[in-house]
Amino acid sequence: MTDRIELRGMRFDGRHGVLPEEATEAQPFDVDVVLELDVAAAGTTDDLARTIDYGDVFRRARAVVEQGPHVALIETLAERIAADVLAAHPALDAVTVRVRKPRAPLPGVFGWAGVEIRRERGLA
């Protein structure tokens, strides 16, 4: 049995993309992170130390998008978030990261461009 902690709809401003102007002008990136781990001990003891503090995960995702070095691909942002979260939290079995770019430079109307990855402990 795998339980999940979900952080959905986090929005951060970053300077990422293939085009030169994307490296200089901030744009929004929407990030979802799903943590897979057993939360039974936390649920029965009401003890934050027996789970993952999602505030820490929020701060880590924000740092990758807002403070990390410029990257061309949203795939790279997702990989960096997943790797950082897995490294910081040994209790995690797996993490799923979705990065969406609602203002991707496309020549038409669209909701967002995005990528979703899932990385398991020991396979990241």
PDB file of N, CA and C in Angstrom:
ATOM      1  N   MET A   1       0.835  -1.173   0.000  1.00  0.00           N
ATOM      2  CA  MET A   1       0.000   0.000   0.000  1.00  0.00           C
ATOM      3  C   MET A   1       0.886   1.246   0.000  1.00  0.00           C
ATOM      4  N   THR A   2       0.592   2.139  -0.912  1.00  0.00           N
ATOM      5  CA  THR A   2       1.316   3.401  -0.958  1.00  0.00           C
ATOM      6  C   THR A   2       0.342   4.547  -0.744  1.00  0.00           C
ATOM      7  N   ASP A   3       0.692   5.387   0.184  1.00  0.00           N
ATOM      8  CA  ASP A   3      -0.091   6.583   0.446  1.00  0.00           C
ATOM      9  C   ASP A   3       0.517   7.735  -0.345  1.00  0.00           C
ATOM     10  N   ARG A   4      -0.226   8.823  -0.422  1.00  0.00           N
ATOM     11  CA  ARG A   4       0.254   9.975  -1.180  1.00  0.00           C
ATOM     12  C   ARG A   4       0.024  11.265  -0.408  1.00  0.00           C
ATOM     13  N   ILE A   5       0.979  12.150  -0.533  1.00  0.00           N
ATOM     14  CA  ILE A   5       0.837  13.540  -0.131  1.00  0.00           C
ATOM     15  C   ILE A   5       0.924  14.332  -1.430  1.00  0.00           C
ATOM     16  N   GLU A   6      -0.048  15.219  -1.650  1.00  0.00           N
ATOM     17  CA  GLU A   6      -0.105  15.950  -2.914  1.00  0.00           C
ATOM     18  C   GLU A   6       0.005  17.450  -2.688  1.00  0.00           C
ATOM     19  N   LEU A   7       0.823  18.082  -3.479  1.00  0.00           N
ATOM     20  CA  LEU A   7       0.905  19.541  -3.537  1.00  0.00           C
ATOM     21  C   LEU A   7       0.545  19.910  -4.969  1.00  0.00           C
ATOM     22  N   ARG A   8      -0.604  20.516  -5.148  1.00  0.00           N
ATOM     23  CA  ARG A   8      -1.124  20.804  -6.489  1.00  0.00           C
ATOM     24  C   ARG A   8      -1.232  22.311  -6.708  1.00  0.00           C
ATOM     25  N   GLY A   9      -0.890  22.711  -7.921  1.00  0.00           N
ATOM     26  CA  GLY A   9      -1.106  24.091  -8.335  1.00  0.00           C
ATOM     27  C   GLY A   9      -0.151  25.109  -7.746  1.00  0.00           C
ATOM     28  N   MET A  10       1.054  24.694  -7.399  1.00  0.00           N
ATOM     29  CA  MET A  10       2.044  25.669  -6.937  1.00  0.00           C
ATOM     30  C   MET A  10       2.448  26.519  -8.147  1.00  0.00           C
ATOM     31  N   ARG A  11       2.533  27.814  -7.955  1.00  0.00           N
ATOM     32  CA  ARG A  11       2.919  28.697  -9.059  1.00  0.00           C
ATOM     33  C   ARG A  11       4.159  29.483  -8.658  1.00  0.00           C
ATOM     34  N   PHE A  12       5.161  29.385  -9.535  1.00  0.00           N
ATOM     35  CA  PHE A  12       6.420  30.078  -9.320  1.00  0.00           C
ATOM     36  C   PHE A  12       6.791  30.822 -10.596  1.00  0.00           C
ATOM     37  N   ASP A  13       7.495  31.929 -10.453  1.00  0.00           N
ATOM     38  CA  ASP A  13       7.982  32.672 -11.605  1.00  0.00           C
ATOM     39  C   ASP A  13       9.442  32.308 -11.840  1.00  0.00           C
ATOM     40  N   GLY A  14       9.744  31.935 -13.078  1.00  0.00           N
ATOM     41  CA  GLY A  14      11.104  31.548 -13.415  1.00  0.00           C
ATOM     42  C   GLY A  14      11.512  32.052 -14.780  1.00  0.00           C
ATOM     43  N   ARG A  15      12.783  31.911 -15.052  1.00  0.00           N
ATOM     44  CA  ARG A  15      13.360  32.342 -16.327  1.00  0.00           C
ATOM     45  C   ARG A  15      13.954  31.125 -17.019  1.00  0.00           C
ATOM     46  N   HIS A  16      13.096  30.350 -17.640  1.00  0.00           N
ATOM     47  CA  HIS A  16      13.524  29.113 -18.282  1.00  0.00           C
ATOM     48  C   HIS A  16      12.879  29.008 -19.651  1.00  0.00           C
ATOM     49  N   GLY A  17      13.609  28.419 -20.578  1.00  0.00           N
ATOM     50  CA  GLY A  17      13.074  28.208 -21.908  1.00  0.00           C
ATOM     51  C   GLY A  17      14.168  28.240 -22.956  1.00  0.00           C
ATOM     52  N   VAL A  18      13.807  27.849 -24.137  1.00  0.00           N
ATOM     53  CA  VAL A  18      14.753  27.748 -25.244  1.00  0.00           C
ATOM     54  C   VAL A  18      15.081  29.119 -25.840  1.00  0.00           C
ATOM     55  N   LEU A  19      14.101  30.003 -25.890  1.00  0.00           N
ATOM     56  CA  LEU A  19      14.298  31.308 -26.527  1.00  0.00           C
ATOM     57  C   LEU A  19      15.085  32.256 -25.620  1.00  0.00           C
ATOM     58  N   PRO A  20      15.916  33.121 -26.210  1.00  0.00           N
ATOM     59  CA  PRO A  20      16.741  34.035 -25.395  1.00  0.00           C
ATOM     60  C   PRO A  20      15.920  34.906 -24.440  1.00  0.00           C
ATOM     61  N   GLU A  21      14.759  35.404 -24.879  1.00  0.00           N
ATOM     62  CA  GLU A  21      13.960  36.268 -24.008  1.00  0.00           C
ATOM     63  C   GLU A  21      13.408  35.520 -22.796  1.00  0.00           C
ATOM     64  N   GLU A  22      13.295  34.198 -22.889  1.00  0.00           N
ATOM     65  CA  GLU A  22      12.801  33.429 -21.747  1.00  0.00           C
ATOM     66  C   GLU A  22      13.820  33.363 -20.615  1.00  0.00           C
ATOM     67  N   ALA A  23      15.076  33.607 -20.940  1.00  0.00           N
ATOM     68  CA  ALA A  23      16.121  33.618 -19.919  1.00  0.00           C
ATOM     69  C   ALA A  23      16.177  34.955 -19.187  1.00  0.00           C
ATOM     70  N   THR A  24      15.546  35.980 -19.753  1.00  0.00           N
ATOM     71  CA  THR A  24      15.623  37.299 -19.129  1.00  0.00           C
ATOM     72  C   THR A  24      14.299  37.775 -18.546  1.00  0.00           C
ATOM     73  N   GLU A  25      13.175  37.288 -19.068  1.00  0.00           N
ATOM     74  CA  GLU A  25      11.871  37.721 -18.595  1.00  0.00           C
ATOM     75  C   GLU A  25      11.185  36.581 -17.835  1.00  0.00           C
ATOM     76  N   ALA A  26      10.843  36.841 -16.579  1.00  0.00           N
ATOM     77  CA  ALA A  26      10.197  35.804 -15.769  1.00  0.00           C
ATOM     78  C   ALA A  26       8.803  35.498 -16.314  1.00  0.00           C
ATOM     79  N   GLN A  27       8.428  34.242 -16.207  1.00  0.00           N
ATOM     80  CA  GLN A  27       7.096  33.794 -16.592  1.00  0.00           C
ATOM     81  C   GLN A  27       6.642  32.746 -15.594  1.00  0.00           C
ATOM     82  N   PRO A  28       5.343  32.502 -15.516  1.00  0.00           N
ATOM     83  CA  PRO A  28       4.846  31.534 -14.530  1.00  0.00           C
ATOM     84  C   PRO A  28       5.083  30.088 -14.943  1.00  0.00           C
ATOM     85  N   PHE A  29       5.355  29.279 -13.937  1.00  0.00           N
ATOM     86  CA  PHE A  29       5.441  27.826 -14.077  1.00  0.00           C
ATOM     87  C   PHE A  29       4.555  27.239 -12.983  1.00  0.00           C
ATOM     88  N   ASP A  30       3.677  26.336 -13.357  1.00  0.00           N
ATOM     89  CA  ASP A  30       2.818  25.651 -12.400  1.00  0.00           C
ATOM     90  C   ASP A  30       3.415  24.280 -12.118  1.00  0.00           C
ATOM     91  N   VAL A  31       3.496  23.926 -10.841  1.00  0.00           N
ATOM     92  CA  VAL A  31       4.154  22.690 -10.429  1.00  0.00           C
ATOM     93  C   VAL A  31       3.232  21.902  -9.506  1.00  0.00           C
ATOM     94  N   ASP A  32       3.116  20.608  -9.777  1.00  0.00           N
ATOM     95  CA  ASP A  32       2.454  19.664  -8.880  1.00  0.00           C
ATOM     96  C   ASP A  32       3.500  18.648  -8.445  1.00  0.00           C
ATOM     97  N   VAL A  33       3.468  18.274  -7.174  1.00  0.00           N
ATOM     98  CA  VAL A  33       4.352  17.233  -6.662  1.00  0.00           C
ATOM     99  C   VAL A  33       3.507  16.250  -5.871  1.00  0.00           C
ATOM    100  N   VAL A  34       3.649  14.971  -6.185  1.00  0.00           N
ATOM    101  CA  VAL A  34       2.960  13.908  -5.462  1.00  0.00           C
ATOM    102  C   VAL A  34       4.021  13.024  -4.825  1.00  0.00           C
ATOM    103  N   LEU A  35       3.957  12.912  -3.509  1.00  0.00           N
ATOM    104  CA  LEU A  35       4.914  12.122  -2.739  1.00  0.00           C
ATOM    105  C   LEU A  35       4.277  10.787  -2.398  1.00  0.00           C
ATOM    106  N   GLU A  36       4.980   9.702  -2.654  1.00  0.00           N
ATOM    107  CA  GLU A  36       4.483   8.367  -2.329  1.00  0.00           C
ATOM    108  C   GLU A  36       5.306   7.791  -1.184  1.00  0.00           C
ATOM    109  N   LEU A  37       4.614   7.505  -0.086  1.00  0.00           N
ATOM    110  CA  LEU A  37       5.248   6.947   1.094  1.00  0.00           C
ATOM    111  C   LEU A  37       4.163   6.442   2.027  1.00  0.00           C
ATOM    112  N   ASP A  38       4.564   5.690   3.017  1.00  0.00           N
ATOM    113  CA  ASP A  38       3.629   5.192   4.018  1.00  0.00           C
ATOM    114  C   ASP A  38       3.440   6.272   5.079  1.00  0.00           C
ATOM    115  N   VAL A  39       2.230   6.771   5.222  1.00  0.00           N
ATOM    116  CA  VAL A  39       1.958   7.813   6.212  1.00  0.00           C
ATOM    117  C   VAL A  39       1.160   7.291   7.409  1.00  0.00           C
ATOM    118  N   ALA A  40       1.043   5.983   7.542  1.00  0.00           N
ATOM    119  CA  ALA A  40       0.243   5.406   8.629  1.00  0.00           C
ATOM    120  C   ALA A  40       0.750   5.836  10.003  1.00  0.00           C
ATOM    121  N   ALA A  41       2.060   5.801  10.211  1.00  0.00           N
ATOM    122  CA  ALA A  41       2.602   6.181  11.525  1.00  0.00           C
ATOM    123  C   ALA A  41       2.284   7.636  11.843  1.00  0.00           C
ATOM    124  N   ALA A  42       2.388   8.511  10.858  1.00  0.00           N
ATOM    125  CA  ALA A  42       2.057   9.917  11.081  1.00  0.00           C
ATOM    126  C   ALA A  42       0.567  10.078  11.381  1.00  0.00           C
ATOM    127  N   GLY A  43      -0.246   9.333  10.658  1.00  0.00           N
ATOM    128  CA  GLY A  43      -1.686   9.436  10.845  1.00  0.00           C
ATOM    129  C   GLY A  43      -2.162   8.952  12.192  1.00  0.00           C
ATOM    130  N   THR A  44      -1.485   7.962  12.738  1.00  0.00           N
ATOM    131  CA  THR A  44      -1.916   7.431  14.034  1.00  0.00           C
ATOM    132  C   THR A  44      -1.296   8.165  15.217  1.00  0.00           C
ATOM    133  N   THR A  45      -0.169   8.848  14.998  1.00  0.00           N
ATOM    134  CA  THR A  45       0.501   9.543  16.100  1.00  0.00           C
ATOM    135  C   THR A  45       0.346  11.057  16.049  1.00  0.00           C
ATOM    136  N   ASP A  46      -0.102  11.591  14.904  1.00  0.00           N
ATOM    137  CA  ASP A  46      -0.226  13.037  14.709  1.00  0.00           C
ATOM    138  C   ASP A  46       1.121  13.731  14.885  1.00  0.00           C
ATOM    139  N   ASP A  47       2.190  13.070  14.383  1.00  0.00           N
ATOM    140  CA  ASP A  47       3.559  13.528  14.576  1.00  0.00           C
ATOM    141  C   ASP A  47       4.178  13.898  13.228  1.00  0.00           C
ATOM    142  N   LEU A  48       4.466  15.178  13.040  1.00  0.00           N
ATOM    143  CA  LEU A  48       5.055  15.658  11.791  1.00  0.00           C
ATOM    144  C   LEU A  48       6.385  14.984  11.490  1.00  0.00           C
ATOM    145  N   ALA A  49       7.128  14.602  12.514  1.00  0.00           N
ATOM    146  CA  ALA A  49       8.423  13.964  12.307  1.00  0.00           C
ATOM    147  C   ALA A  49       8.299  12.592  11.638  1.00  0.00           C
ATOM    148  N   ARG A  50       7.072  12.036  11.579  1.00  0.00           N
ATOM    149  CA  ARG A  50       6.875  10.697  11.002  1.00  0.00           C
ATOM    150  C   ARG A  50       6.296  10.759   9.592  1.00  0.00           C
ATOM    151  N   THR A  51       6.394  11.944   8.989  1.00  0.00           N
ATOM    152  CA  THR A  51       5.934  12.123   7.614  1.00  0.00           C
ATOM    153  C   THR A  51       6.873  13.109   6.933  1.00  0.00           C
ATOM    154  N   ILE A  52       6.450  13.672   5.830  1.00  0.00           N
ATOM    155  CA  ILE A  52       7.250  14.671   5.129  1.00  0.00           C
ATOM    156  C   ILE A  52       6.542  16.010   5.244  1.00  0.00           C
ATOM    157  N   ASP A  53       7.276  16.997   5.672  1.00  0.00           N
ATOM    158  CA  ASP A  53       6.749  18.350   5.796  1.00  0.00           C
ATOM    159  C   ASP A  53       6.588  18.921   4.393  1.00  0.00           C
ATOM    160  N   TYR A  54       5.340  19.102   3.956  1.00  0.00           N
ATOM    161  CA  TYR A  54       5.146  19.570   2.583  1.00  0.00           C
ATOM    162  C   TYR A  54       5.582  21.014   2.403  1.00  0.00           C
ATOM    163  N   GLY A  55       5.773  21.739   3.493  1.00  0.00           N
ATOM    164  CA  GLY A  55       6.366  23.074   3.395  1.00  0.00           C
ATOM    165  C   GLY A  55       7.783  23.007   2.865  1.00  0.00           C
ATOM    166  N   ASP A  56       8.521  21.976   3.279  1.00  0.00           N
ATOM    167  CA  ASP A  56       9.884  21.790   2.777  1.00  0.00           C
ATOM    168  C   ASP A  56       9.870  21.475   1.285  1.00  0.00           C
ATOM    169  N   VAL A  57       8.933  20.640   0.865  1.00  0.00           N
ATOM    170  CA  VAL A  57       8.830  20.290  -0.556  1.00  0.00           C
ATOM    171  C   VAL A  57       8.479  21.537  -1.370  1.00  0.00           C
ATOM    172  N   PHE A  58       7.571  22.351  -0.857  1.00  0.00           N
ATOM    173  CA  PHE A  58       7.212  23.608  -1.525  1.00  0.00           C
ATOM    174  C   PHE A  58       8.446  24.487  -1.705  1.00  0.00           C
ATOM    175  N   ARG A  59       9.208  24.662  -0.639  1.00  0.00           N
ATOM    176  CA  ARG A  59      10.407  25.507  -0.700  1.00  0.00           C
ATOM    177  C   ARG A  59      11.427  24.960  -1.692  1.00  0.00           C
ATOM    178  N   ARG A  60      11.575  23.646  -1.753  1.00  0.00           N
ATOM    179  CA  ARG A  60      12.530  23.036  -2.678  1.00  0.00           C
ATOM    180  C   ARG A  60      12.106  23.248  -4.132  1.00  0.00           C
ATOM    181  N   ALA A  61      10.830  23.034  -4.417  1.00  0.00           N
ATOM    182  CA  ALA A  61      10.339  23.245  -5.779  1.00  0.00           C
ATOM    183  C   ALA A  61      10.504  24.710  -6.178  1.00  0.00           C
ATOM    184  N   ARG A  62      10.163  25.605  -5.272  1.00  0.00           N
ATOM    185  CA  ARG A  62      10.314  27.040  -5.551  1.00  0.00           C
ATOM    186  C   ARG A  62      11.773  27.390  -5.843  1.00  0.00           C
ATOM    187  N   ALA A  63      12.685  26.858  -5.056  1.00  0.00           N
ATOM    188  CA  ALA A  63      14.105  27.164  -5.259  1.00  0.00           C
ATOM    189  C   ALA A  63      14.579  26.703  -6.633  1.00  0.00           C
ATOM    190  N   VAL A  64      14.159  25.535  -7.073  1.00  0.00           N
ATOM    191  CA  VAL A  64      14.570  25.048  -8.393  1.00  0.00           C
ATOM    192  C   VAL A  64      14.063  25.979  -9.482  1.00  0.00           C
ATOM    193  N   VAL A  65      12.799  26.374  -9.394  1.00  0.00           N
ATOM    194  CA  VAL A  65      12.207  27.195 -10.457  1.00  0.00           C
ATOM    195  C   VAL A  65      12.680  28.648 -10.371  1.00  0.00           C
ATOM    196  N   GLU A  66      12.673  29.223  -9.181  1.00  0.00           N
ATOM    197  CA  GLU A  66      12.940  30.652  -9.053  1.00  0.00           C
ATOM    198  C   GLU A  66      14.408  31.006  -8.860  1.00  0.00           C
ATOM    199  N   GLN A  67      15.185  30.130  -8.232  1.00  0.00           N
ATOM    200  CA  GLN A  67      16.566  30.476  -7.903  1.00  0.00           C
ATOM    201  C   GLN A  67      17.593  29.618  -8.612  1.00  0.00           C
ATOM    202  N   GLY A  68      17.159  28.488  -9.155  1.00  0.00           N
ATOM    203  CA  GLY A  68      18.093  27.600  -9.835  1.00  0.00           C
ATOM    204  C   GLY A  68      18.586  28.207 -11.126  1.00  0.00           C
ATOM    205  N   PRO A  69      19.611  27.622 -11.690  1.00  0.00           N
ATOM    206  CA  PRO A  69      20.126  28.146 -12.960  1.00  0.00           C
ATOM    207  C   PRO A  69      19.122  27.976 -14.091  1.00  0.00           C
ATOM    208  N   HIS A  70      19.224  28.832 -15.074  1.00  0.00           N
ATOM    209  CA  HIS A  70      18.369  28.764 -16.259  1.00  0.00           C
ATOM    210  C   HIS A  70      18.527  27.395 -16.921  1.00  0.00           C
ATOM    211  N   VAL A  71      17.403  26.815 -17.323  1.00  0.00           N
ATOM    212  CA  VAL A  71      17.418  25.600 -18.133  1.00  0.00           C
ATOM    213  C   VAL A  71      16.509  25.828 -19.332  1.00  0.00           C
ATOM    214  N   ALA A  72      16.768  25.113 -20.393  1.00  0.00           N
ATOM    215  CA  ALA A  72      15.984  25.266 -21.611  1.00  0.00           C
ATOM    216  C   ALA A  72      14.661  24.510 -21.531  1.00  0.00           C
ATOM    217  N   LEU A  73      14.648  23.371 -20.850  1.00  0.00           N
ATOM    218  CA  LEU A  73      13.513  22.451 -20.925  1.00  0.00           C
ATOM    219  C   LEU A  73      12.765  22.315 -19.600  1.00  0.00           C
ATOM    220  N   ILE A  74      11.429  22.225 -19.706  1.00  0.00           N
ATOM    221  CA  ILE A  74      10.649  21.951 -18.501  1.00  0.00           C
ATOM    222  C   ILE A  74      10.914  20.532 -18.013  1.00  0.00           C
ATOM    223  N   GLU A  75      11.348  19.651 -18.905  1.00  0.00           N
ATOM    224  CA  GLU A  75      11.746  18.298 -18.493  1.00  0.00           C
ATOM    225  C   GLU A  75      12.892  18.375 -17.482  1.00  0.00           C
ATOM    226  N   THR A  76      13.823  19.309 -17.709  1.00  0.00           N
ATOM    227  CA  THR A  76      14.953  19.479 -16.799  1.00  0.00           C
ATOM    228  C   THR A  76      14.483  20.016 -15.456  1.00  0.00           C
ATOM    229  N   LEU A  77      13.558  20.965 -15.457  1.00  0.00           N
ATOM    230  CA  LEU A  77      13.011  21.461 -14.184  1.00  0.00           C
ATOM    231  C   LEU A  77      12.378  20.318 -13.393  1.00  0.00           C
ATOM    232  N   ALA A  78      11.576  19.503 -14.065  1.00  0.00           N
ATOM    233  CA  ALA A  78      10.925  18.382 -13.382  1.00  0.00           C
ATOM    234  C   ALA A  78      11.954  17.413 -12.808  1.00  0.00           C
ATOM    235  N   GLU A  79      12.973  17.082 -13.580  1.00  0.00           N
ATOM    236  CA  GLU A  79      14.018  16.168 -13.094  1.00  0.00           C
ATOM    237  C   GLU A  79      14.733  16.737 -11.874  1.00  0.00           C
ATOM    238  N   ARG A  80      15.037  18.027 -11.909  1.00  0.00           N
ATOM    239  CA  ARG A  80      15.753  18.643 -10.786  1.00  0.00           C
ATOM    240  C   ARG A  80      14.899  18.681  -9.527  1.00  0.00           C
ATOM    241  N   ILE A  81      13.627  18.973  -9.677  1.00  0.00           N
ATOM    242  CA  ILE A  81      12.736  18.964  -8.515  1.00  0.00           C
ATOM    243  C   ILE A  81      12.643  17.557  -7.948  1.00  0.00           C
ATOM    244  N   ALA A  82      12.422  16.565  -8.804  1.00  0.00           N
ATOM    245  CA  ALA A  82      12.296  15.176  -8.343  1.00  0.00           C
ATOM    246  C   ALA A  82      13.563  14.708  -7.639  1.00  0.00           C
ATOM    247  N   ALA A  83      14.711  14.989  -8.226  1.00  0.00           N
ATOM    248  CA  ALA A  83      15.981  14.546  -7.634  1.00  0.00           C
ATOM    249  C   ALA A  83      16.217  15.200  -6.284  1.00  0.00           C
ATOM    250  N   ASP A  84      15.929  16.485  -6.172  1.00  0.00           N
ATOM    251  CA  ASP A  84      16.137  17.203  -4.917  1.00  0.00           C
ATOM    252  C   ASP A  84      15.229  16.668  -3.814  1.00  0.00           C
ATOM    253  N   VAL A  85      13.960  16.473  -4.144  1.00  0.00           N
ATOM    254  CA  VAL A  85      13.003  15.988  -3.146  1.00  0.00           C
ATOM    255  C   VAL A  85      13.344  14.565  -2.710  1.00  0.00           C
ATOM    256  N   LEU A  86      13.680  13.692  -3.659  1.00  0.00           N
ATOM    257  CA  LEU A  86      14.057  12.316  -3.297  1.00  0.00           C
ATOM    258  C   LEU A  86      15.306  12.297  -2.426  1.00  0.00           C
ATOM    259  N   ALA A  87      16.290  13.112  -2.757  1.00  0.00           N
ATOM    260  CA  ALA A  87      17.538  13.139  -1.981  1.00  0.00           C
ATOM    261  C   ALA A  87      17.302  13.655  -0.562  1.00  0.00           C
ATOM    262  N   ALA A  88      16.388  14.598  -0.418  1.00  0.00           N
ATOM    263  CA  ALA A  88      16.154  15.219   0.890  1.00  0.00           C
ATOM    264  C   ALA A  88      15.287  14.380   1.819  1.00  0.00           C
ATOM    265  N   HIS A  89      14.522  13.444   1.243  1.00  0.00           N
ATOM    266  CA  HIS A  89      13.541  12.714   2.048  1.00  0.00           C
ATOM    267  C   HIS A  89      13.663  11.201   1.826  1.00  0.00           C
ATOM    268  N   PRO A  90      14.496  10.550   2.613  1.00  0.00           N
ATOM    269  CA  PRO A  90      14.731   9.110   2.447  1.00  0.00           C
ATOM    270  C   PRO A  90      13.484   8.241   2.636  1.00  0.00           C
ATOM    271  N   ALA A  91      12.471   8.738   3.304  1.00  0.00           N
ATOM    272  CA  ALA A  91      11.252   7.948   3.516  1.00  0.00           C
ATOM    273  C   ALA A  91      10.419   7.808   2.246  1.00  0.00           C
ATOM    274  N   LEU A  92      10.700   8.616   1.250  1.00  0.00           N
ATOM    275  CA  LEU A  92       9.918   8.574   0.010  1.00  0.00           C
ATOM    276  C   LEU A  92      10.177   7.300  -0.769  1.00  0.00           C
ATOM    277  N   ASP A  93       9.104   6.693  -1.260  1.00  0.00           N
ATOM    278  CA  ASP A  93       9.221   5.565  -2.192  1.00  0.00           C
ATOM    279  C   ASP A  93       9.336   6.079  -3.626  1.00  0.00           C
ATOM    280  N   ALA A  94       8.581   7.141  -3.927  1.00  0.00           N
ATOM    281  CA  ALA A  94       8.582   7.706  -5.276  1.00  0.00           C
ATOM    282  C   ALA A  94       8.031   9.122  -5.223  1.00  0.00           C
ATOM    283  N   VAL A  95       8.313   9.882  -6.270  1.00  0.00           N
ATOM    284  CA  VAL A  95       7.788  11.232  -6.413  1.00  0.00           C
ATOM    285  C   VAL A  95       7.361  11.437  -7.860  1.00  0.00           C
ATOM    286  N   THR A  96       6.220  12.069  -8.026  1.00  0.00           N
ATOM    287  CA  THR A  96       5.747  12.465  -9.350  1.00  0.00           C
ATOM    288  C   THR A  96       5.769  13.982  -9.400  1.00  0.00           C
ATOM    289  N   VAL A  97       6.338  14.514 -10.470  1.00  0.00           N
ATOM    290  CA  VAL A  97       6.428  15.964 -10.637  1.00  0.00           C
ATOM    291  C   VAL A  97       5.811  16.331 -11.976  1.00  0.00           C
ATOM    292  N   ARG A  98       4.910  17.293 -11.936  1.00  0.00           N
ATOM    293  CA  ARG A  98       4.331  17.843 -13.166  1.00  0.00           C
ATOM    294  C   ARG A  98       4.709  19.317 -13.227  1.00  0.00           C
ATOM    295  N   VAL A  99       5.274  19.732 -14.358  1.00  0.00           N
ATOM    296  CA  VAL A  99       5.595  21.140 -14.593  1.00  0.00           C
ATOM    297  C   VAL A  99       4.806  21.588 -15.813  1.00  0.00           C
ATOM    298  N   ARG A 100       4.070  22.686 -15.639  1.00  0.00           N
ATOM    299  CA  ARG A 100       3.284  23.253 -16.729  1.00  0.00           C
ATOM    300  C   ARG A 100       3.752  24.675 -16.990  1.00  0.00           C
ATOM    301  N   LYS A 101       3.757  25.035 -18.257  1.00  0.00           N
ATOM    302  CA  LYS A 101       4.193  26.358 -18.683  1.00  0.00           C
ATOM    303  C   LYS A 101       3.027  27.003 -19.418  1.00  0.00           C
ATOM    304  N   PRO A 102       2.209  27.798 -18.715  1.00  0.00           N
ATOM    305  CA  PRO A 102       1.004  28.346 -19.335  1.00  0.00           C
ATOM    306  C   PRO A 102       1.270  29.418 -20.394  1.00  0.00           C
ATOM    307  N   ARG A 103       2.460  30.003 -20.388  1.00  0.00           N
ATOM    308  CA  ARG A 103       2.762  31.034 -21.388  1.00  0.00           C
ATOM    309  C   ARG A 103       3.887  30.608 -22.321  1.00  0.00           C
ATOM    310  N   ALA A 104       3.936  29.327 -22.638  1.00  0.00           N
ATOM    311  CA  ALA A 104       4.939  28.848 -23.594  1.00  0.00           C
ATOM    312  C   ALA A 104       4.764  29.599 -24.912  1.00  0.00           C
ATOM    313  N   PRO A 105       5.854  29.908 -25.587  1.00  0.00           N
ATOM    314  CA  PRO A 105       5.770  30.687 -26.821  1.00  0.00           C
ATOM    315  C   PRO A 105       5.297  29.835 -28.000  1.00  0.00           C
ATOM    316  N   LEU A 106       3.990  29.624 -28.065  1.00  0.00           N
ATOM    317  CA  LEU A 106       3.394  28.850 -29.152  1.00  0.00           C
ATOM    318  C   LEU A 106       2.511  29.764 -30.007  1.00  0.00           C
ATOM    319  N   PRO A 107       2.373  29.443 -31.275  1.00  0.00           N
ATOM    320  CA  PRO A 107       1.655  30.354 -32.187  1.00  0.00           C
ATOM    321  C   PRO A 107       0.143  30.155 -32.219  1.00  0.00           C
ATOM    322  N   GLY A 108      -0.467  29.995 -31.074  1.00  0.00           N
ATOM    323  CA  GLY A 108      -1.913  29.819 -31.054  1.00  0.00           C
ATOM    324  C   GLY A 108      -2.426  29.713 -29.635  1.00  0.00           C
ATOM    325  N   VAL A 109      -3.717  29.463 -29.519  1.00  0.00           N
ATOM    326  CA  VAL A 109      -4.375  29.372 -28.222  1.00  0.00           C
ATOM    327  C   VAL A 109      -4.184  27.971 -27.646  1.00  0.00           C
ATOM    328  N   PHE A 110      -3.805  27.904 -26.377  1.00  0.00           N
ATOM    329  CA  PHE A 110      -3.636  26.628 -25.675  1.00  0.00           C
ATOM    330  C   PHE A 110      -3.706  26.891 -24.182  1.00  0.00           C
ATOM    331  N   GLY A 111      -3.964  25.858 -23.403  1.00  0.00           N
ATOM    332  CA  GLY A 111      -4.033  26.004 -21.949  1.00  0.00           C
ATOM    333  C   GLY A 111      -2.658  26.050 -21.303  1.00  0.00           C
ATOM    334  N   TRP A 112      -1.828  25.097 -21.654  1.00  0.00           N
ATOM    335  CA  TRP A 112      -0.469  25.033 -21.133  1.00  0.00           C
ATOM    336  C   TRP A 112       0.293  23.939 -21.853  1.00  0.00           C
ATOM    337  N   ALA A 113       1.604  24.037 -21.818  1.00  0.00           N
ATOM    338  CA  ALA A 113       2.491  22.957 -22.254  1.00  0.00           C
ATOM    339  C   ALA A 113       3.079  22.370 -20.973  1.00  0.00           C
ATOM    340  N   GLY A 114       3.221  21.050 -20.917  1.00  0.00           N
ATOM    341  CA  GLY A 114       3.698  20.474 -19.671  1.00  0.00           C
ATOM    342  C   GLY A 114       4.353  19.125 -19.824  1.00  0.00           C
ATOM    343  N   VAL A 115       4.939  18.697 -18.731  1.00  0.00           N
ATOM    344  CA  VAL A 115       5.577  17.391 -18.648  1.00  0.00           C
ATOM    345  C   VAL A 115       5.283  16.806 -17.270  1.00  0.00           C
ATOM    346  N   GLU A 116       5.148  15.494 -17.202  1.00  0.00           N
ATOM    347  CA  GLU A 116       4.970  14.800 -15.934  1.00  0.00           C
ATOM    348  C   GLU A 116       5.952  13.644 -15.890  1.00  0.00           C
ATOM    349  N   ILE A 117       6.682  13.542 -14.782  1.00  0.00           N
ATOM    350  CA  ILE A 117       7.623  12.438 -14.599  1.00  0.00           C
ATOM    351  C   ILE A 117       7.354  11.771 -13.260  1.00  0.00           C
ATOM    352  N   ARG A 118       7.727  10.507 -13.144  1.00  0.00           N
ATOM    353  CA  ARG A 118       7.651   9.777 -11.874  1.00  0.00           C
ATOM    354  C   ARG A 118       9.000   9.114 -11.661  1.00  0.00           C
ATOM    355  N   ARG A 119       9.585   9.345 -10.509  1.00  0.00           N
ATOM    356  CA  ARG A 119      10.873   8.762 -10.183  1.00  0.00           C
ATOM    357  C   ARG A 119      10.752   7.990  -8.882  1.00  0.00           C
ATOM    358  N   GLU A 120      11.293   6.776  -8.888  1.00  0.00           N
ATOM    359  CA  GLU A 120      11.261   5.912  -7.704  1.00  0.00           C
ATOM    360  C   GLU A 120      12.608   5.921  -7.013  1.00  0.00           C
ATOM    361  N   ARG A 121      12.572   5.650  -5.727  1.00  0.00           N
ATOM    362  CA  ARG A 121      13.798   5.552  -4.941  1.00  0.00           C
ATOM    363  C   ARG A 121      14.744   4.540  -5.590  1.00  0.00           C
ATOM    364  N   GLY A 122      15.974   4.923  -5.768  1.00  0.00           N
ATOM    365  CA  GLY A 122      16.977   4.035  -6.353  1.00  0.00           C
ATOM    366  C   GLY A 122      16.977   4.015  -7.864  1.00  0.00           C
ATOM    367  N   LEU A 123      15.962   4.619  -8.500  1.00  0.00           N
ATOM    368  CA  LEU A 123      15.900   4.657  -9.965  1.00  0.00           C
ATOM    369  C   LEU A 123      16.066   6.071 -10.486  1.00  0.00           C
ATOM    370  N   ALA A 124      16.182   7.051  -9.586  1.00  0.00           N
ATOM    371  CA  ALA A 124      16.291   8.455 -10.010  1.00  0.00           C
ATOM    372  C   ALA A 124      17.695   8.781 -10.452  1.00  0.00           C
TER     373      ALA A 124
END
